[in-house]
Amino acid sequence: MAVLSGKSIGVGIGVRFMNSNEDLAKKIIDDINALKSNLDAKKVKYFRVDRLKNIVDRLIQYSDSCTECTDFLNTFEMDMMHNLKPDDIQRSRTYLKNFNKIVSHLCKKHKLVTPGYYVGIYFSLGMSTGMAIGMSIGAAININTMSAGMSIGMSFGMSLGILIGSLMDSDAKKKGIII
């Protein structure tokens, strides 16, 4: 077996050789599983531990073509897992800052979205649009019914926004662009 630029090349049928990034990812995922078993449910949610596996998988996927993803993968292994200490507030802040930086990179450079992204966007758009339309209809009917029209329009707009956002989130999940 020869090693060229961090990748193993082997001869054999049915033998799969992993490169150093995949070995690193396996180690990180094992660390994540061990960490998850040591944390309570509240801390798992606060540190977004459930999303870490998806992030590591995405970093591995893009590490061959993106040097920032490779750097983030190395940072993930060296710094992030060590900063994930629930009792130390400063380390927790550093962890969350790095977590958000990685997610931001994946969203901007690789056009990925976070779970619930479209629901949040279309919820607010639907609410504001529905409120404006409701106020217009309420004012057209009678000036005293403007607030009633606003509340009815806002509720319809929020419902429509949640519906459209949910459909777009499910479409994004089918396309595989959710982190």
C-alpha atoms as a PDB file:
ATOM      1  CA  MET A   1       0.000   0.000   0.000  1.00  0.00           C
ATOM      2  CA  ALA A   2       1.329   3.434  -0.926  1.00  0.00           C
ATOM      3  CA  VAL A   3       0.428   6.749   0.617  1.00  0.00           C
ATOM      4  CA  LEU A   4       0.154   9.802  -1.603  1.00  0.00           C
ATOM      5  CA  SER A   5      -0.809  13.187  -0.186  1.00  0.00           C
ATOM      6  CA  GLY A   6      -2.678  11.787   2.805  1.00  0.00           C
ATOM      7  CA  LYS A   7      -4.677   9.216   0.848  1.00  0.00           C
ATOM      8  CA  SER A   8      -4.080   5.512   0.988  1.00  0.00           C
ATOM      9  CA  ILE A   9      -3.993   3.635  -2.252  1.00  0.00           C
ATOM     10  CA  GLY A  10      -4.276  -0.105  -2.042  1.00  0.00           C
ATOM     11  CA  VAL A  11      -4.671  -3.079  -4.285  1.00  0.00           C
ATOM     12  CA  GLY A  12      -7.360  -5.562  -3.447  1.00  0.00           C
ATOM     13  CA  ILE A  13     -10.907  -6.536  -4.103  1.00  0.00           C
ATOM     14  CA  GLY A  14     -13.474  -5.235  -1.659  1.00  0.00           C
ATOM     15  CA  VAL A  15     -10.879  -3.429   0.440  1.00  0.00           C
ATOM     16  CA  ARG A  16     -11.663   0.160   1.285  1.00  0.00           C
ATOM     17  CA  PHE A  17      -8.946   2.434   2.512  1.00  0.00           C
ATOM     18  CA  MET A  18      -9.862   5.617   4.314  1.00  0.00           C
ATOM     19  CA  ASN A  19      -8.006   8.854   3.993  1.00  0.00           C
ATOM     20  CA  SER A  20      -6.893  10.795   7.024  1.00  0.00           C
ATOM     21  CA  ASN A  21     -10.003  13.003   7.002  1.00  0.00           C
ATOM     22  CA  GLU A  22     -12.312   9.987   7.217  1.00  0.00           C
ATOM     23  CA  ASP A  23     -10.223   8.558  10.062  1.00  0.00           C
ATOM     24  CA  LEU A  24     -10.441  11.901  11.808  1.00  0.00           C
ATOM     25  CA  ALA A  25     -14.203  12.026  11.260  1.00  0.00           C
ATOM     26  CA  LYS A  26     -14.635   8.557  12.731  1.00  0.00           C
ATOM     27  CA  LYS A  27     -12.660   9.617  15.791  1.00  0.00           C
ATOM     28  CA  ILE A  28     -14.702  12.812  16.147  1.00  0.00           C
ATOM     29  CA  ILE A  29     -18.003  10.945  15.843  1.00  0.00           C
ATOM     30  CA  ASP A  30     -16.860   8.474  18.511  1.00  0.00           C
ATOM     31  CA  ASP A  31     -16.002  11.454  20.735  1.00  0.00           C
ATOM     32  CA  ILE A  32     -19.429  12.973  20.046  1.00  0.00           C
ATOM     33  CA  ASN A  33     -21.187   9.743  21.008  1.00  0.00           C
ATOM     34  CA  ALA A  34     -19.166   9.500  24.222  1.00  0.00           C
ATOM     35  CA  LEU A  35     -19.892  13.130  25.013  1.00  0.00           C
ATOM     36  CA  LYS A  36     -23.603  12.739  24.325  1.00  0.00           C
ATOM     37  CA  SER A  37     -23.854   9.873  26.771  1.00  0.00           C
ATOM     38  CA  ASN A  38     -22.234  12.031  29.486  1.00  0.00           C
ATOM     39  CA  LEU A  39     -24.496  15.080  29.063  1.00  0.00           C
ATOM     40  CA  ASP A  40     -28.076  15.543  30.182  1.00  0.00           C
ATOM     41  CA  ALA A  41     -30.802  16.356  27.641  1.00  0.00           C
ATOM     42  CA  LYS A  42     -30.757  20.090  28.402  1.00  0.00           C
ATOM     43  CA  LYS A  43     -27.004  20.382  27.718  1.00  0.00           C
ATOM     44  CA  VAL A  44     -27.283  18.245  24.568  1.00  0.00           C
ATOM     45  CA  LYS A  45     -29.840  20.692  23.222  1.00  0.00           C
ATOM     46  CA  TYR A  46     -27.872  23.769  24.336  1.00  0.00           C
ATOM     47  CA  PHE A  47     -24.643  22.587  22.702  1.00  0.00           C
ATOM     48  CA  ARG A  48     -26.499  21.256  19.630  1.00  0.00           C
ATOM     49  CA  VAL A  49     -24.749  17.905  19.935  1.00  0.00           C
ATOM     50  CA  ASP A  50     -27.270  16.193  17.644  1.00  0.00           C
ATOM     51  CA  ARG A  51     -26.224  18.456  14.761  1.00  0.00           C
ATOM     52  CA  LEU A  52     -22.496  17.794  15.214  1.00  0.00           C
ATOM     53  CA  LYS A  53     -22.533  14.510  13.276  1.00  0.00           C
ATOM     54  CA  ASN A  54     -24.172  16.180  10.272  1.00  0.00           C
ATOM     55  CA  ILE A  55     -21.659  19.010  10.403  1.00  0.00           C
ATOM     56  CA  VAL A  56     -18.712  16.591  10.518  1.00  0.00           C
ATOM     57  CA  ASP A  57     -20.188  14.663   7.572  1.00  0.00           C
ATOM     58  CA  ARG A  58     -20.534  17.887   5.568  1.00  0.00           C
ATOM     59  CA  LEU A  59     -16.996  18.977   6.414  1.00  0.00           C
ATOM     60  CA  ILE A  60     -15.712  15.597   5.211  1.00  0.00           C
ATOM     61  CA  GLN A  61     -17.797  15.869   2.041  1.00  0.00           C
ATOM     62  CA  TYR A  62     -16.331  19.263   1.126  1.00  0.00           C
ATOM     63  CA  SER A  63     -12.819  18.889   2.572  1.00  0.00           C
ATOM     64  CA  ASP A  64     -11.315  17.678  -0.721  1.00  0.00           C
ATOM     65  CA  SER A  65     -12.361  20.800  -2.612  1.00  0.00           C
ATOM     66  CA  CYS A  66     -12.459  23.414   0.171  1.00  0.00           C
ATOM     67  CA  THR A  67      -9.419  24.238   2.275  1.00  0.00           C
ATOM     68  CA  GLU A  68     -11.565  26.075   4.837  1.00  0.00           C
ATOM     69  CA  CYS A  69     -13.552  22.888   5.447  1.00  0.00           C
ATOM     70  CA  THR A  70     -10.312  20.989   6.009  1.00  0.00           C
ATOM     71  CA  ASP A  71      -9.166  23.670   8.437  1.00  0.00           C
ATOM     72  CA  PHE A  72     -12.518  23.574  10.217  1.00  0.00           C
ATOM     73  CA  LEU A  73     -12.304  19.797  10.469  1.00  0.00           C
ATOM     74  CA  ASN A  74      -8.904  20.063  12.122  1.00  0.00           C
ATOM     75  CA  THR A  75     -10.166  22.867  14.371  1.00  0.00           C
ATOM     76  CA  PHE A  76     -13.146  20.723  15.233  1.00  0.00           C
ATOM     77  CA  GLU A  77     -10.941  17.883  16.419  1.00  0.00           C
ATOM     78  CA  MET A  78      -8.361  19.991  18.246  1.00  0.00           C
ATOM     79  CA  ASP A  79     -10.351  22.850  19.752  1.00  0.00           C
ATOM     80  CA  MET A  80     -14.085  22.291  19.623  1.00  0.00           C
ATOM     81  CA  MET A  81     -14.219  18.936  21.354  1.00  0.00           C
ATOM     82  CA  HIS A  82     -11.916  20.224  24.088  1.00  0.00           C
ATOM     83  CA  ASN A  83     -13.968  23.408  24.528  1.00  0.00           C
ATOM     84  CA  LEU A  84     -17.178  21.463  24.970  1.00  0.00           C
ATOM     85  CA  LYS A  85     -17.104  21.615  28.758  1.00  0.00           C
ATOM     86  CA  PRO A  86     -20.540  22.301  30.250  1.00  0.00           C
ATOM     87  CA  ASP A  87     -19.127  23.645  33.523  1.00  0.00           C
ATOM     88  CA  ASP A  88     -16.715  26.190  32.034  1.00  0.00           C
ATOM     89  CA  ILE A  89     -18.635  29.190  30.667  1.00  0.00           C
ATOM     90  CA  GLN A  90     -15.715  30.695  28.732  1.00  0.00           C
ATOM     91  CA  ARG A  91     -14.993  27.395  26.954  1.00  0.00           C
ATOM     92  CA  SER A  92     -18.698  26.971  26.214  1.00  0.00           C
ATOM     93  CA  ARG A  93     -18.792  30.385  24.576  1.00  0.00           C
ATOM     94  CA  THR A  94     -15.712  29.570  22.514  1.00  0.00           C
ATOM     95  CA  TYR A  95     -17.325  26.300  21.427  1.00  0.00           C
ATOM     96  CA  LEU A  96     -20.570  28.008  20.385  1.00  0.00           C
ATOM     97  CA  LYS A  97     -18.668  30.748  18.539  1.00  0.00           C
ATOM     98  CA  ASN A  98     -16.705  28.135  16.545  1.00  0.00           C
ATOM     99  CA  PHE A  99     -19.890  26.112  15.967  1.00  0.00           C
ATOM    100  CA  ASN A 100     -21.660  29.147  14.507  1.00  0.00           C
ATOM    101  CA  LYS A 101     -18.621  30.016  12.383  1.00  0.00           C
ATOM    102  CA  ILE A 102     -18.589  26.522  10.841  1.00  0.00           C
ATOM    103  CA  VAL A 103     -22.347  26.544  10.196  1.00  0.00           C
ATOM    104  CA  SER A 104     -22.085  30.011   8.663  1.00  0.00           C
ATOM    105  CA  HIS A 105     -19.308  28.837   6.332  1.00  0.00           C
ATOM    106  CA  LEU A 106     -21.309  25.795   5.233  1.00  0.00           C
ATOM    107  CA  CYS A 107     -24.376  27.949   4.582  1.00  0.00           C
ATOM    108  CA  LYS A 108     -22.591  30.705   2.673  1.00  0.00           C
ATOM    109  CA  LYS A 109     -19.955  28.838   0.678  1.00  0.00           C
ATOM    110  CA  HIS A 110     -21.743  25.543   0.049  1.00  0.00           C
ATOM    111  CA  LYS A 111     -25.350  26.781  -0.126  1.00  0.00           C
ATOM    112  CA  LEU A 112     -26.612  24.592   2.721  1.00  0.00           C
ATOM    113  CA  VAL A 113     -29.416  25.543   5.112  1.00  0.00           C
ATOM    114  CA  THR A 114     -30.097  24.857   8.768  1.00  0.00           C
ATOM    115  CA  PRO A 115     -33.187  22.925   9.899  1.00  0.00           C
ATOM    116  CA  GLY A 116     -36.241  25.190  10.014  1.00  0.00           C
ATOM    117  CA  TYR A 117     -34.571  27.918   7.964  1.00  0.00           C
ATOM    118  CA  TYR A 118     -37.413  28.377   5.491  1.00  0.00           C
ATOM    119  CA  VAL A 119     -40.123  28.189   8.171  1.00  0.00           C
ATOM    120  CA  GLY A 120     -38.483  31.090   9.996  1.00  0.00           C
ATOM    121  CA  ILE A 121     -38.156  33.170   6.846  1.00  0.00           C
ATOM    122  CA  TYR A 122     -41.653  32.560   5.495  1.00  0.00           C
ATOM    123  CA  PHE A 123     -43.280  32.838   8.930  1.00  0.00           C
ATOM    124  CA  SER A 124     -42.099  36.417   9.300  1.00  0.00           C
ATOM    125  CA  LEU A 125     -42.823  37.279   5.658  1.00  0.00           C
ATOM    126  CA  GLY A 126     -46.315  35.804   5.892  1.00  0.00           C
ATOM    127  CA  MET A 127     -47.047  37.601   9.134  1.00  0.00           C
ATOM    128  CA  SER A 128     -45.993  41.010   7.847  1.00  0.00           C
ATOM    129  CA  THR A 129     -47.678  40.581   4.465  1.00  0.00           C
ATOM    130  CA  GLY A 130     -50.863  39.251   6.051  1.00  0.00           C
ATOM    131  CA  MET A 131     -50.944  42.148   8.498  1.00  0.00           C
ATOM    132  CA  ALA A 132     -50.582  44.693   5.704  1.00  0.00           C
ATOM    133  CA  ILE A 133     -53.260  43.060   3.567  1.00  0.00           C
ATOM    134  CA  GLY A 134     -55.561  42.675   6.581  1.00  0.00           C
ATOM    135  CA  MET A 135     -55.147  46.337   7.526  1.00  0.00           C
ATOM    136  CA  SER A 136     -55.899  47.367   3.945  1.00  0.00           C
ATOM    137  CA  ILE A 137     -59.028  45.253   3.775  1.00  0.00           C
ATOM    138  CA  GLY A 138     -60.116  46.410   7.236  1.00  0.00           C
ATOM    139  CA  ALA A 139     -59.607  50.058   6.307  1.00  0.00           C
ATOM    140  CA  ALA A 140     -61.464  49.605   3.025  1.00  0.00           C
ATOM    141  CA  ILE A 141     -64.465  48.128   4.809  1.00  0.00           C
ATOM    142  CA  ASN A 142     -64.590  50.511   7.743  1.00  0.00           C
ATOM    143  CA  ILE A 143     -61.952  52.466   9.662  1.00  0.00           C
ATOM    144  CA  ASN A 144     -63.095  50.843  12.950  1.00  0.00           C
ATOM    145  CA  THR A 145     -62.426  47.323  11.672  1.00  0.00           C
ATOM    146  CA  MET A 146     -58.806  47.981  10.743  1.00  0.00           C
ATOM    147  CA  SER A 147     -57.467  46.269  13.900  1.00  0.00           C
ATOM    148  CA  ALA A 148     -59.748  43.263  13.361  1.00  0.00           C
ATOM    149  CA  GLY A 149     -58.590  43.002   9.760  1.00  0.00           C
ATOM    150  CA  MET A 150     -54.994  43.298  10.918  1.00  0.00           C
ATOM    151  CA  SER A 151     -55.304  40.429  13.391  1.00  0.00           C
ATOM    152  CA  ILE A 152     -57.170  38.192  10.942  1.00  0.00           C
ATOM    153  CA  GLY A 153     -54.695  38.977   8.155  1.00  0.00           C
ATOM    154  CA  MET A 154     -51.748  38.339  10.450  1.00  0.00           C
ATOM    155  CA  SER A 155     -53.077  34.943  11.505  1.00  0.00           C
ATOM    156  CA  PHE A 156     -53.750  33.913   7.903  1.00  0.00           C
ATOM    157  CA  GLY A 157     -50.342  35.203   6.832  1.00  0.00           C
ATOM    158  CA  MET A 158     -48.562  33.294   9.614  1.00  0.00           C
ATOM    159  CA  SER A 159     -50.425  30.114   8.706  1.00  0.00           C
ATOM    160  CA  LEU A 160     -49.593  30.504   5.037  1.00  0.00           C
ATOM    161  CA  GLY A 161     -45.952  31.330   5.876  1.00  0.00           C
ATOM    162  CA  ILE A 162     -45.609  28.225   8.054  1.00  0.00           C
ATOM    163  CA  LEU A 163     -47.169  26.102   5.307  1.00  0.00           C
ATOM    164  CA  ILE A 164     -44.878  27.416   2.577  1.00  0.00           C
ATOM    165  CA  GLY A 165     -41.819  27.266   4.860  1.00  0.00           C
ATOM    166  CA  SER A 166     -42.562  23.680   5.860  1.00  0.00           C
ATOM    167  CA  LEU A 167     -42.934  22.666   2.225  1.00  0.00           C
ATOM    168  CA  MET A 168     -39.635  24.330   1.330  1.00  0.00           C
ATOM    169  CA  ASP A 169     -37.884  22.737   4.341  1.00  0.00           C
ATOM    170  CA  SER A 170     -39.128  19.298   3.306  1.00  0.00           C
ATOM    171  CA  ASP A 171     -37.960  19.999  -0.257  1.00  0.00           C
ATOM    172  CA  ALA A 172     -34.530  21.034   1.083  1.00  0.00           C
ATOM    173  CA  LYS A 173     -34.379  17.812   3.091  1.00  0.00           C
ATOM    174  CA  LYS A 174     -35.170  15.797  -0.051  1.00  0.00           C
ATOM    175  CA  LYS A 175     -32.431  17.645  -1.941  1.00  0.00           C
ATOM    176  CA  GLY A 176     -30.005  16.934   0.901  1.00  0.00           C
ATOM    177  CA  ILE A 177     -29.001  20.526   1.545  1.00  0.00           C
ATOM    178  CA  ILE A 178     -29.840  20.616   5.250  1.00  0.00           C
ATOM    179  CA  ILE A 179     -26.907  20.600   7.642  1.00  0.00           C
END
